Amino acid sequence: MIGCGFVGSASVFALMQSGLFTEIALIDADKNKAEGEAMDISYGIPFASPMKIYAGDYDDVADAAIVVISAGAGQKPGETRLDLVNKNVAIFKSIIPEIAKRNFAGIMLVVANPVDILTQVAIKLSGLPENRVIGSGTVLDSARLRYKLGEHGDSEVVAWS
């Protein structure tokens, strides 16, 4: 997991509970944040399948089956997801080449916003084939469609009944 903010940490917690993995490395620009989140989430391991959760570095992606990228600037009040493009493209330009240098051969899952744009950025910067870089956008929007109408963002309307 690259990015240990709210989304990254919650995702690692859910993955820990799923029992699908035996090892999860948390990578963050703030190494102390990654270490703290790894320790906190690891407290749940006795209630899940045996696994190793730890603060890692980019060398850990070399043999990873999946790399999830949740790193990105947080959306501030009044900002749209599109306002995050330049900030998050800059962040991806620091992350993706580090992954590519390690000859990563797995699947890259992008969950940072704006997800569709950043997925294309990840494809271009990584050199990975399109079928190995996946954006979470349509899956999340499909789930939201059960309750909301309209385009994802400020124009969506909740369908209460």
C-alpha atoms as a PDB file:
ATOM      1  CA  MET A   1       0.000   0.000   0.000  1.00  0.00           C
ATOM      2  CA  ILE A   2       1.503   3.293  -1.051  1.00  0.00           C
ATOM      3  CA  GLY A   3      -0.090   6.064   0.971  1.00  0.00           C
ATOM      4  CA  CYS A   4      -1.091   5.650   4.616  1.00  0.00           C
ATOM      5  CA  GLY A   5      -3.821   8.251   4.896  1.00  0.00           C
ATOM      6  CA  PHE A   6      -7.455   7.437   5.679  1.00  0.00           C
ATOM      7  CA  VAL A   7      -8.092   5.436   2.496  1.00  0.00           C
ATOM      8  CA  GLY A   8      -4.795   3.547   2.593  1.00  0.00           C
ATOM      9  CA  SER A   9      -5.063   2.624   6.256  1.00  0.00           C
ATOM     10  CA  ALA A  10      -8.712   1.578   5.989  1.00  0.00           C
ATOM     11  CA  SER A  11      -7.871  -0.522   2.930  1.00  0.00           C
ATOM     12  CA  VAL A  12      -5.024  -2.298   4.713  1.00  0.00           C
ATOM     13  CA  PHE A  13      -7.328  -2.991   7.669  1.00  0.00           C
ATOM     14  CA  ALA A  14      -9.926  -4.507   5.317  1.00  0.00           C
ATOM     15  CA  LEU A  15      -7.248  -6.549   3.529  1.00  0.00           C
ATOM     16  CA  MET A  16      -5.970  -7.813   6.871  1.00  0.00           C
ATOM     17  CA  GLN A  17      -9.468  -9.011   7.750  1.00  0.00           C
ATOM     18  CA  SER A  18      -9.979 -10.635   4.334  1.00  0.00           C
ATOM     19  CA  GLY A  19      -7.219 -13.187   4.777  1.00  0.00           C
ATOM     20  CA  LEU A  20      -6.295 -12.912   1.093  1.00  0.00           C
ATOM     21  CA  PHE A  21      -2.681 -11.897   1.706  1.00  0.00           C
ATOM     22  CA  THR A  22       0.216 -13.147   3.813  1.00  0.00           C
ATOM     23  CA  GLU A  23       2.218  -9.931   3.648  1.00  0.00           C
ATOM     24  CA  ILE A  24       1.308  -6.241   3.367  1.00  0.00           C
ATOM     25  CA  ALA A  25       3.922  -3.494   3.228  1.00  0.00           C
ATOM     26  CA  LEU A  26       2.891   0.092   3.961  1.00  0.00           C
ATOM     27  CA  ILE A  27       4.882   2.771   2.163  1.00  0.00           C
ATOM     28  CA  ASP A  28       4.453   6.465   2.848  1.00  0.00           C
ATOM     29  CA  ALA A  29       6.471   9.646   2.367  1.00  0.00           C
ATOM     30  CA  ASP A  30       6.246   9.899   6.160  1.00  0.00           C
ATOM     31  CA  LYS A  31       8.003   6.700   7.299  1.00  0.00           C
ATOM     32  CA  ASN A  32       6.826   7.265  10.900  1.00  0.00           C
ATOM     33  CA  LYS A  33       3.207   7.365   9.699  1.00  0.00           C
ATOM     34  CA  ALA A  34       3.693   4.038   7.876  1.00  0.00           C
ATOM     35  CA  GLU A  35       5.293   2.481  10.959  1.00  0.00           C
ATOM     36  CA  GLY A  36       2.506   3.702  13.249  1.00  0.00           C
ATOM     37  CA  GLU A  37      -0.274   2.497  10.955  1.00  0.00           C
ATOM     38  CA  ALA A  38       1.447  -0.887  10.500  1.00  0.00           C
ATOM     39  CA  MET A  39       1.712  -1.331  14.267  1.00  0.00           C
ATOM     40  CA  ASP A  40      -1.894  -0.267  14.886  1.00  0.00           C
ATOM     41  CA  ILE A  41      -3.344  -2.514  12.183  1.00  0.00           C
ATOM     42  CA  SER A  42      -1.135  -5.436  13.255  1.00  0.00           C
ATOM     43  CA  TYR A  43      -2.993  -5.576  16.570  1.00  0.00           C
ATOM     44  CA  GLY A  44      -5.866  -7.177  14.636  1.00  0.00           C
ATOM     45  CA  ILE A  45      -3.780 -10.033  13.209  1.00  0.00           C
ATOM     46  CA  PRO A  46      -4.659 -12.465  16.042  1.00  0.00           C
ATOM     47  CA  PHE A  47      -8.278 -12.212  14.860  1.00  0.00           C
ATOM     48  CA  ALA A  48      -7.396 -12.792  11.180  1.00  0.00           C
ATOM     49  CA  SER A  49      -5.250 -15.133   9.118  1.00  0.00           C
ATOM     50  CA  PRO A  50      -1.537 -15.163   9.939  1.00  0.00           C
ATOM     51  CA  MET A  51       0.257 -12.428   8.020  1.00  0.00           C
ATOM     52  CA  LYS A  52       2.987  -9.854   8.224  1.00  0.00           C
ATOM     53  CA  ILE A  53       2.102  -6.140   8.136  1.00  0.00           C
ATOM     54  CA  TYR A  54       5.009  -3.725   8.235  1.00  0.00           C
ATOM     55  CA  ALA A  55       6.339  -0.345   7.131  1.00  0.00           C
ATOM     56  CA  GLY A  56       8.268  -0.978   3.945  1.00  0.00           C
ATOM     57  CA  ASP A  57      10.003   0.823   1.137  1.00  0.00           C
ATOM     58  CA  TYR A  58       9.921   0.712  -2.637  1.00  0.00           C
ATOM     59  CA  ASP A  59      12.153  -2.374  -2.734  1.00  0.00           C
ATOM     60  CA  ASP A  60       9.163  -4.291  -1.350  1.00  0.00           C
ATOM     61  CA  VAL A  61       7.189  -3.746  -4.576  1.00  0.00           C
ATOM     62  CA  ALA A  62       9.674  -5.762  -6.660  1.00  0.00           C
ATOM     63  CA  ASP A  63       7.969  -9.090  -5.981  1.00  0.00           C
ATOM     64  CA  ALA A  64       4.517  -7.828  -4.982  1.00  0.00           C
ATOM     65  CA  ALA A  65       1.469  -9.306  -6.680  1.00  0.00           C
ATOM     66  CA  ILE A  66      -0.490  -6.067  -6.242  1.00  0.00           C
ATOM     67  CA  VAL A  67       0.483  -2.484  -5.486  1.00  0.00           C
ATOM     68  CA  VAL A  68      -2.322  -0.205  -4.327  1.00  0.00           C
ATOM     69  CA  ILE A  69      -1.672   3.525  -4.664  1.00  0.00           C
ATOM     70  CA  SER A  70      -3.796   5.637  -2.359  1.00  0.00           C
ATOM     71  CA  ALA A  71      -1.270   8.463  -1.968  1.00  0.00           C
ATOM     72  CA  GLY A  72      -2.505  11.894  -2.900  1.00  0.00           C
ATOM     73  CA  ALA A  73      -3.349  15.342  -1.659  1.00  0.00           C
ATOM     74  CA  GLY A  74      -6.515  15.550   0.404  1.00  0.00           C
ATOM     75  CA  GLN A  75      -9.513  17.386  -0.973  1.00  0.00           C
ATOM     76  CA  LYS A  76     -10.102  20.628   0.904  1.00  0.00           C
ATOM     77  CA  PRO A  77     -13.515  22.258   1.404  1.00  0.00           C
ATOM     78  CA  GLY A  78     -14.566  23.986  -1.796  1.00  0.00           C
ATOM     79  CA  GLU A  79     -12.117  21.996  -3.940  1.00  0.00           C
ATOM     80  CA  THR A  80     -13.290  19.623  -6.630  1.00  0.00           C
ATOM     81  CA  ARG A  81     -11.538  16.389  -7.476  1.00  0.00           C
ATOM     82  CA  LEU A  82     -10.276  18.073 -10.637  1.00  0.00           C
ATOM     83  CA  ASP A  83      -8.567  20.707  -8.477  1.00  0.00           C
ATOM     84  CA  LEU A  84      -6.369  17.871  -7.188  1.00  0.00           C
ATOM     85  CA  VAL A  85      -5.012  16.933 -10.629  1.00  0.00           C
ATOM     86  CA  ASN A  86      -1.789  18.946 -10.601  1.00  0.00           C
ATOM     87  CA  LYS A  87      -0.976  18.116  -6.980  1.00  0.00           C
ATOM     88  CA  ASN A  88      -1.597  14.410  -7.402  1.00  0.00           C
ATOM     89  CA  VAL A  89       0.130  14.123 -10.774  1.00  0.00           C
ATOM     90  CA  ALA A  90       3.226  15.580  -9.080  1.00  0.00           C
ATOM     91  CA  ILE A  91       2.897  12.991  -6.303  1.00  0.00           C
ATOM     92  CA  PHE A  92       2.514  10.193  -8.872  1.00  0.00           C
ATOM     93  CA  LYS A  93       5.611  11.457 -10.702  1.00  0.00           C
ATOM     94  CA  SER A  94       7.565  10.778  -7.515  1.00  0.00           C
ATOM     95  CA  ILE A  95       5.966   7.372  -6.830  1.00  0.00           C
ATOM     96  CA  ILE A  96       5.484   5.575 -10.154  1.00  0.00           C
ATOM     97  CA  PRO A  97       9.115   5.799 -11.368  1.00  0.00           C
ATOM     98  CA  GLU A  98      10.216   4.265  -8.045  1.00  0.00           C
ATOM     99  CA  ILE A  99       7.901   1.320  -8.714  1.00  0.00           C
ATOM    100  CA  ALA A 100       9.025   1.008 -12.348  1.00  0.00           C
ATOM    101  CA  LYS A 101      12.716   0.975 -11.312  1.00  0.00           C
ATOM    102  CA  ARG A 102      12.051  -2.232  -9.358  1.00  0.00           C
ATOM    103  CA  ASN A 103      10.736  -4.052 -12.466  1.00  0.00           C
ATOM    104  CA  PHE A 104       7.317  -4.447 -10.872  1.00  0.00           C
ATOM    105  CA  ALA A 105       5.428  -7.172 -12.739  1.00  0.00           C
ATOM    106  CA  GLY A 106       2.156  -7.299 -10.804  1.00  0.00           C
ATOM    107  CA  ILE A 107      -1.101  -5.387 -10.907  1.00  0.00           C
ATOM    108  CA  MET A 108      -1.254  -1.711  -9.990  1.00  0.00           C
ATOM    109  CA  LEU A 109      -4.502  -0.484  -8.433  1.00  0.00           C
ATOM    110  CA  VAL A 110      -5.044   3.287  -8.324  1.00  0.00           C
ATOM    111  CA  VAL A 111      -7.480   4.603  -5.710  1.00  0.00           C
ATOM    112  CA  ALA A 112      -6.345   8.258  -5.477  1.00  0.00           C
ATOM    113  CA  ASN A 113      -8.471  11.063  -6.957  1.00  0.00           C
ATOM    114  CA  PRO A 114      -9.217  12.004  -9.648  1.00  0.00           C
ATOM    115  CA  VAL A 115      -8.924   8.276 -10.219  1.00  0.00           C
ATOM    116  CA  ASP A 116      -9.520   8.072 -13.981  1.00  0.00           C
ATOM    117  CA  ILE A 117      -6.927  10.721 -14.786  1.00  0.00           C
ATOM    118  CA  LEU A 118      -4.388   9.307 -12.329  1.00  0.00           C
ATOM    119  CA  THR A 119      -4.872   5.809 -13.731  1.00  0.00           C
ATOM    120  CA  GLN A 120      -3.863   7.109 -17.165  1.00  0.00           C
ATOM    121  CA  VAL A 121      -0.890   8.906 -15.598  1.00  0.00           C
ATOM    122  CA  ALA A 122       0.125   5.649 -13.887  1.00  0.00           C
ATOM    123  CA  ILE A 123      -0.063   3.741 -17.186  1.00  0.00           C
ATOM    124  CA  LYS A 124       2.138   6.287 -18.952  1.00  0.00           C
ATOM    125  CA  LEU A 125       4.701   6.657 -16.154  1.00  0.00           C
ATOM    126  CA  SER A 126       4.951   2.951 -15.312  1.00  0.00           C
ATOM    127  CA  GLY A 127       5.210   1.525 -18.801  1.00  0.00           C
ATOM    128  CA  LEU A 128       2.905  -1.289 -17.660  1.00  0.00           C
ATOM    129  CA  PRO A 129       0.305  -2.640 -20.088  1.00  0.00           C
ATOM    130  CA  GLU A 130      -3.154  -1.130 -19.661  1.00  0.00           C
ATOM    131  CA  ASN A 131      -4.572  -4.441 -18.433  1.00  0.00           C
ATOM    132  CA  ARG A 132      -2.260  -4.334 -15.394  1.00  0.00           C
ATOM    133  CA  VAL A 133      -3.169  -0.813 -14.198  1.00  0.00           C
ATOM    134  CA  ILE A 134      -6.661  -0.594 -12.744  1.00  0.00           C
ATOM    135  CA  GLY A 135      -8.518   2.434 -11.433  1.00  0.00           C
ATOM    136  CA  SER A 136     -11.131   1.952  -8.716  1.00  0.00           C
ATOM    137  CA  GLY A 137     -13.428   4.653 -10.079  1.00  0.00           C
ATOM    138  CA  THR A 138     -16.061   2.672 -11.918  1.00  0.00           C
ATOM    139  CA  VAL A 139     -16.345   0.045  -9.180  1.00  0.00           C
ATOM    140  CA  LEU A 140     -16.944   2.707  -6.559  1.00  0.00           C
ATOM    141  CA  ASP A 141     -19.313   4.631  -8.814  1.00  0.00           C
ATOM    142  CA  SER A 142     -21.272   1.429  -9.510  1.00  0.00           C
ATOM    143  CA  ALA A 143     -21.682   0.913  -5.766  1.00  0.00           C
ATOM    144  CA  ARG A 144     -22.770   4.528  -5.347  1.00  0.00           C
ATOM    145  CA  LEU A 145     -25.287   4.171  -8.169  1.00  0.00           C
ATOM    146  CA  ARG A 146     -27.445   2.133  -5.805  1.00  0.00           C
ATOM    147  CA  TYR A 147     -28.110   5.346  -3.863  1.00  0.00           C
ATOM    148  CA  LYS A 148     -27.032   8.326  -5.964  1.00  0.00           C
ATOM    149  CA  LEU A 149     -27.864   9.731  -9.379  1.00  0.00           C
ATOM    150  CA  GLY A 150     -25.710  11.867 -11.641  1.00  0.00           C
ATOM    151  CA  GLU A 151     -22.024  12.358 -12.205  1.00  0.00           C
ATOM    152  CA  HIS A 152     -19.656  11.547  -9.336  1.00  0.00           C
ATOM    153  CA  GLY A 153     -18.907  14.730  -7.409  1.00  0.00           C
ATOM    154  CA  ASP A 154     -20.823  17.895  -6.637  1.00  0.00           C
ATOM    155  CA  SER A 155     -23.624  17.188  -9.125  1.00  0.00           C
ATOM    156  CA  GLU A 156     -24.731  13.839  -7.666  1.00  0.00           C
ATOM    157  CA  VAL A 157     -28.166  13.543  -6.041  1.00  0.00           C
ATOM    158  CA  VAL A 158     -29.113  11.031  -3.345  1.00  0.00           C
ATOM    159  CA  ALA A 159     -32.081   8.816  -4.283  1.00  0.00           C
ATOM    160  CA  TRP A 160     -33.704   8.403  -0.884  1.00  0.00           C
ATOM    161  CA  SER A 161     -36.441   6.034  -2.051  1.00  0.00           C
END
